[in-house]
Amino acid sequence: MSPGPGSAAERRRHDRYTVGEPAILRIIGVKGGVYLITVIDVSKSGLRLSCSVSLAPGTRVEVRWRGARIEGEVRYAREVQAHEFHLGMAADVGEDQDLTLLYRPRG
């Protein structure tokens, strides 16, 4: 079934690629604000993360994944079940950068 007009998938600027890999999230400027997370998917300019805590939109974070350090800000947090939140992160990337280059399917 394809997304209907106006659906979230249709409104996205960039394709997303499913990842499902562990990473580390650090809240910039917060001592002890470090969490083990899962990178759920990646697009050219952002990540979707699974985290045990909710973070407010605008929170500055750093994600360490696949040897890269990606800084950006939380765009949204949605509770998916008790103690699990999906966070959307907009990365600080330029027009000529592409986070999907970090993604290489394993197998």
Protein backbone atom coordinates (compact mmCIF):
# COMPACT_ATOMS: atom_id res chain seq x y z
CA MET A 1 0.00 0.00 0.00
CA SER A 2 1.54 3.33 -1.01
CA PRO A 3 1.31 6.42 1.18
CA GLY A 4 -1.65 8.64 0.49
CA PRO A 5 -1.43 12.32 -0.44
CA GLY A 6 -0.26 14.41 2.48
CA SER A 7 1.07 11.40 4.44
CA ALA A 8 4.20 11.83 6.58
CA ALA A 9 6.22 9.65 4.18
CA GLU A 10 5.16 11.78 1.23
CA ARG A 11 6.07 15.05 3.03
CA ARG A 12 9.63 13.93 3.90
CA ARG A 13 12.38 15.67 2.00
CA HIS A 14 14.68 12.63 1.92
CA ASP A 15 14.33 8.85 1.82
CA ARG A 16 14.91 6.91 5.04
CA TYR A 17 16.88 3.71 5.42
CA THR A 18 16.18 1.21 8.21
CA VAL A 19 19.23 0.57 10.40
CA GLY A 20 18.50 -0.98 13.84
CA GLU A 21 22.02 -0.55 15.32
CA PRO A 22 23.31 0.47 18.76
CA ALA A 23 24.81 3.91 19.34
CA ILE A 24 25.50 6.37 22.14
CA LEU A 25 23.59 9.61 22.70
CA ARG A 26 24.99 12.45 24.79
CA ILE A 27 22.97 15.49 25.80
CA ILE A 28 25.31 18.40 25.09
CA GLY A 29 26.07 20.42 28.22
CA VAL A 30 24.48 17.96 30.66
CA LYS A 31 26.87 16.08 32.92
CA GLY A 32 25.88 12.42 33.04
CA GLY A 33 23.42 12.83 30.15
CA VAL A 34 24.65 9.77 28.25
CA TYR A 35 22.39 6.97 26.99
CA LEU A 36 22.72 3.73 25.05
CA ILE A 37 20.30 4.05 22.13
CA THR A 38 19.35 2.36 18.88
CA VAL A 39 19.53 4.15 15.54
CA ILE A 40 16.24 3.08 13.95
CA ASP A 41 16.67 4.78 10.60
CA VAL A 42 18.77 7.37 8.80
CA SER A 43 18.05 9.98 6.14
CA LYS A 44 20.30 12.48 4.41
CA SER A 45 19.91 15.02 7.22
CA GLY A 46 18.65 13.18 10.29
CA LEU A 47 18.24 10.11 12.45
CA ARG A 48 15.35 8.40 14.19
CA LEU A 49 16.44 6.97 17.52
CA SER A 50 15.02 4.68 20.19
CA CYS A 51 15.86 5.93 23.68
CA SER A 52 14.79 5.12 27.24
CA VAL A 53 14.05 8.79 27.98
CA SER A 54 12.06 11.53 26.29
CA LEU A 55 13.89 14.72 25.35
CA ALA A 56 12.30 18.09 24.66
CA PRO A 57 12.32 19.44 21.12
CA GLY A 58 15.32 21.73 20.67
CA THR A 59 17.57 19.71 23.01
CA ARG A 60 21.12 19.67 21.60
CA VAL A 61 22.53 16.14 21.34
CA GLU A 62 25.49 14.23 19.98
CA VAL A 63 25.19 10.70 18.61
CA ARG A 64 28.20 8.42 18.20
CA TRP A 65 27.45 5.80 15.59
CA ARG A 66 29.66 3.79 13.22
CA GLY A 67 32.72 5.80 14.22
CA ALA A 68 31.04 9.13 13.45
CA ARG A 69 30.11 11.95 15.83
CA ILE A 70 26.83 13.55 14.71
CA GLU A 71 25.56 16.68 16.43
CA GLY A 72 22.10 18.12 16.06
CA GLU A 73 18.86 18.78 17.86
CA VAL A 74 15.83 16.78 18.84
CA ARG A 75 12.84 17.60 16.64
CA TYR A 76 10.27 15.39 18.39
CA ALA A 77 9.85 12.63 20.98
CA ARG A 78 7.05 10.06 20.85
CA GLU A 79 6.37 7.45 23.49
CA VAL A 80 6.01 4.04 21.83
CA GLN A 81 5.79 2.00 25.03
CA ALA A 82 6.73 2.31 28.70
CA HIS A 83 10.33 3.58 28.93
CA GLU A 84 10.81 3.66 25.15
CA PHE A 85 10.69 6.82 23.08
CA HIS A 86 11.36 7.47 19.43
CA LEU A 87 13.32 10.69 18.95
CA GLY A 88 13.66 12.50 15.65
CA MET A 89 17.00 14.24 15.34
CA ALA A 90 17.87 16.92 12.78
CA ALA A 91 21.62 16.74 12.25
CA ASP A 92 23.89 19.74 11.75
CA VAL A 93 24.81 18.91 8.14
CA GLY A 94 25.46 21.07 5.14
CA GLU A 95 23.68 20.74 1.81
CA ASP A 96 26.62 18.75 0.42
CA GLN A 97 26.66 16.25 3.31
CA ASP A 98 24.67 13.01 3.45
CA LEU A 99 24.26 10.90 6.61
CA THR A 100 23.14 7.91 4.55
CA LEU A 101 26.78 7.50 3.47
CA LEU A 102 27.39 6.16 7.00
CA TYR A 103 24.82 3.47 6.33
CA ARG A 104 26.16 0.39 4.65
CA PRO A 105 23.96 -2.69 5.04
CA ARG A 106 25.79 -5.44 6.90
CA GLY A 107 25.58 -8.95 5.74
